[in-house]
Amino acid sequence: MRRWLVHGVFRVAGKLKITQKKSAIGRQKRQKLTIRALGIRKMHQSVVHEDTPQIRGMIRKVCHLVEVEEI
């Protein structure tokens, strides 16, 4: 597990399950590329990633297209 310092407290990184719930058709190219970078290729496909600030930033950019669960 990874740990990082947030506001003076070490946080333990868990895992996130990311599922695409809406289509990327007609969306901006950057949003399509972000979905692809997360490893999602098809609708309703789920991927698991470590909970890192980088992944959280990617999720934030496509939050209207995906559903996120903490594992």
C-alpha atoms as a PDB file:
ATOM      1  CA  MET A   1       0.000   0.000   0.000  1.00  0.00           C
ATOM      2  CA  ARG A   2       1.134   3.493  -0.723  1.00  0.00           C
ATOM      3  CA  ARG A   3       1.023   6.285   1.799  1.00  0.00           C
ATOM      4  CA  TRP A   4       1.237  10.004   1.245  1.00  0.00           C
ATOM      5  CA  LEU A   5       1.173  13.081   3.442  1.00  0.00           C
ATOM      6  CA  VAL A   6      -2.091  15.042   3.370  1.00  0.00           C
ATOM      7  CA  HIS A   7      -2.447  18.037   5.688  1.00  0.00           C
ATOM      8  CA  GLY A   8       0.172  16.660   8.040  1.00  0.00           C
ATOM      9  CA  VAL A   9      -1.423  13.198   8.300  1.00  0.00           C
ATOM     10  CA  PHE A  10      -0.296  10.084   6.486  1.00  0.00           C
ATOM     11  CA  ARG A  11      -3.133   8.510   4.502  1.00  0.00           C
ATOM     12  CA  VAL A  12      -3.123   4.915   3.366  1.00  0.00           C
ATOM     13  CA  ALA A  13      -4.071   4.458  -0.272  1.00  0.00           C
ATOM     14  CA  GLY A  14      -6.846   1.989  -0.892  1.00  0.00           C
ATOM     15  CA  LYS A  15      -8.256   0.936  -4.214  1.00  0.00           C
ATOM     16  CA  LEU A  16     -10.955   2.430  -6.399  1.00  0.00           C
ATOM     17  CA  LYS A  17     -13.327   0.545  -8.686  1.00  0.00           C
ATOM     18  CA  ILE A  18     -14.199   2.773 -11.659  1.00  0.00           C
ATOM     19  CA  THR A  19     -17.111   1.861 -13.953  1.00  0.00           C
ATOM     20  CA  GLN A  20     -18.145   3.728 -17.102  1.00  0.00           C
ATOM     21  CA  LYS A  21     -21.876   4.492 -16.876  1.00  0.00           C
ATOM     22  CA  LYS A  22     -22.362   6.969 -19.749  1.00  0.00           C
ATOM     23  CA  SER A  23     -21.059   7.006 -23.284  1.00  0.00           C
ATOM     24  CA  ALA A  24     -18.098   9.138 -24.347  1.00  0.00           C
ATOM     25  CA  ILE A  25     -19.585   9.598 -27.834  1.00  0.00           C
ATOM     26  CA  GLY A  26     -19.878  13.299 -28.604  1.00  0.00           C
ATOM     27  CA  ARG A  27     -17.654  14.289 -25.679  1.00  0.00           C
ATOM     28  CA  GLN A  28     -14.482  16.336 -25.911  1.00  0.00           C
ATOM     29  CA  LYS A  29     -11.417  14.492 -27.143  1.00  0.00           C
ATOM     30  CA  ARG A  30      -9.632  15.064 -23.812  1.00  0.00           C
ATOM     31  CA  GLN A  31     -12.461  13.321 -21.952  1.00  0.00           C
ATOM     32  CA  LYS A  32     -12.330  10.368 -24.342  1.00  0.00           C
ATOM     33  CA  LEU A  33      -8.570  10.131 -23.860  1.00  0.00           C
ATOM     34  CA  THR A  34      -8.964  10.289 -20.072  1.00  0.00           C
ATOM     35  CA  ILE A  35     -11.452   7.393 -20.129  1.00  0.00           C
ATOM     36  CA  ARG A  36      -8.992   5.452 -22.286  1.00  0.00           C
ATOM     37  CA  ALA A  37      -6.073   6.313 -19.954  1.00  0.00           C
ATOM     38  CA  LEU A  38      -8.049   4.902 -17.029  1.00  0.00           C
ATOM     39  CA  GLY A  39      -8.105   1.613 -18.930  1.00  0.00           C
ATOM     40  CA  ILE A  40     -11.804   1.637 -19.764  1.00  0.00           C
ATOM     41  CA  ARG A  41     -12.617   0.410 -23.273  1.00  0.00           C
ATOM     42  CA  LYS A  42     -16.339  -0.433 -23.179  1.00  0.00           C
ATOM     43  CA  MET A  43     -19.519   0.741 -21.498  1.00  0.00           C
ATOM     44  CA  HIS A  44     -20.183  -0.820 -18.070  1.00  0.00           C
ATOM     45  CA  GLN A  45     -16.594  -2.077 -17.898  1.00  0.00           C
ATOM     46  CA  SER A  46     -14.955  -1.763 -14.489  1.00  0.00           C
ATOM     47  CA  VAL A  47     -11.287  -1.267 -13.676  1.00  0.00           C
ATOM     48  CA  VAL A  48      -9.493  -1.165 -10.322  1.00  0.00           C
ATOM     49  CA  HIS A  49      -6.780   1.408  -9.597  1.00  0.00           C
ATOM     50  CA  GLU A  50      -4.811   2.482  -6.555  1.00  0.00           C
ATOM     51  CA  ASP A  51      -6.300   5.551  -4.856  1.00  0.00           C
ATOM     52  CA  THR A  52      -3.733   8.204  -5.792  1.00  0.00           C
ATOM     53  CA  PRO A  53      -4.051  11.938  -6.421  1.00  0.00           C
ATOM     54  CA  GLN A  54      -3.338  11.341 -10.117  1.00  0.00           C
ATOM     55  CA  ILE A  55      -6.200   8.872 -10.509  1.00  0.00           C
ATOM     56  CA  ARG A  56      -8.527  11.112  -8.459  1.00  0.00           C
ATOM     57  CA  GLY A  57      -7.729  13.995 -10.837  1.00  0.00           C
ATOM     58  CA  MET A  58      -8.561  11.861 -13.860  1.00  0.00           C
ATOM     59  CA  ILE A  59     -11.829  10.771 -12.250  1.00  0.00           C
ATOM     60  CA  ARG A  60     -12.714  14.392 -11.495  1.00  0.00           C
ATOM     61  CA  LYS A  61     -12.424  15.255 -15.204  1.00  0.00           C
ATOM     62  CA  VAL A  62     -14.879  12.526 -16.248  1.00  0.00           C
ATOM     63  CA  CYS A  63     -17.022  12.240 -13.103  1.00  0.00           C
ATOM     64  CA  HIS A  64     -20.199  12.711 -15.163  1.00  0.00           C
ATOM     65  CA  LEU A  65     -19.353   9.559 -17.177  1.00  0.00           C
ATOM     66  CA  VAL A  66     -18.163   7.166 -14.466  1.00  0.00           C
ATOM     67  CA  GLU A  67     -19.202   5.673 -11.139  1.00  0.00           C
ATOM     68  CA  VAL A  68     -16.566   5.198  -8.420  1.00  0.00           C
ATOM     69  CA  GLU A  69     -16.533   2.818  -5.446  1.00  0.00           C
ATOM     70  CA  GLU A  70     -13.877   2.518  -2.758  1.00  0.00           C
ATOM     71  CA  ILE A  71     -12.691  -1.038  -2.209  1.00  0.00           C
END
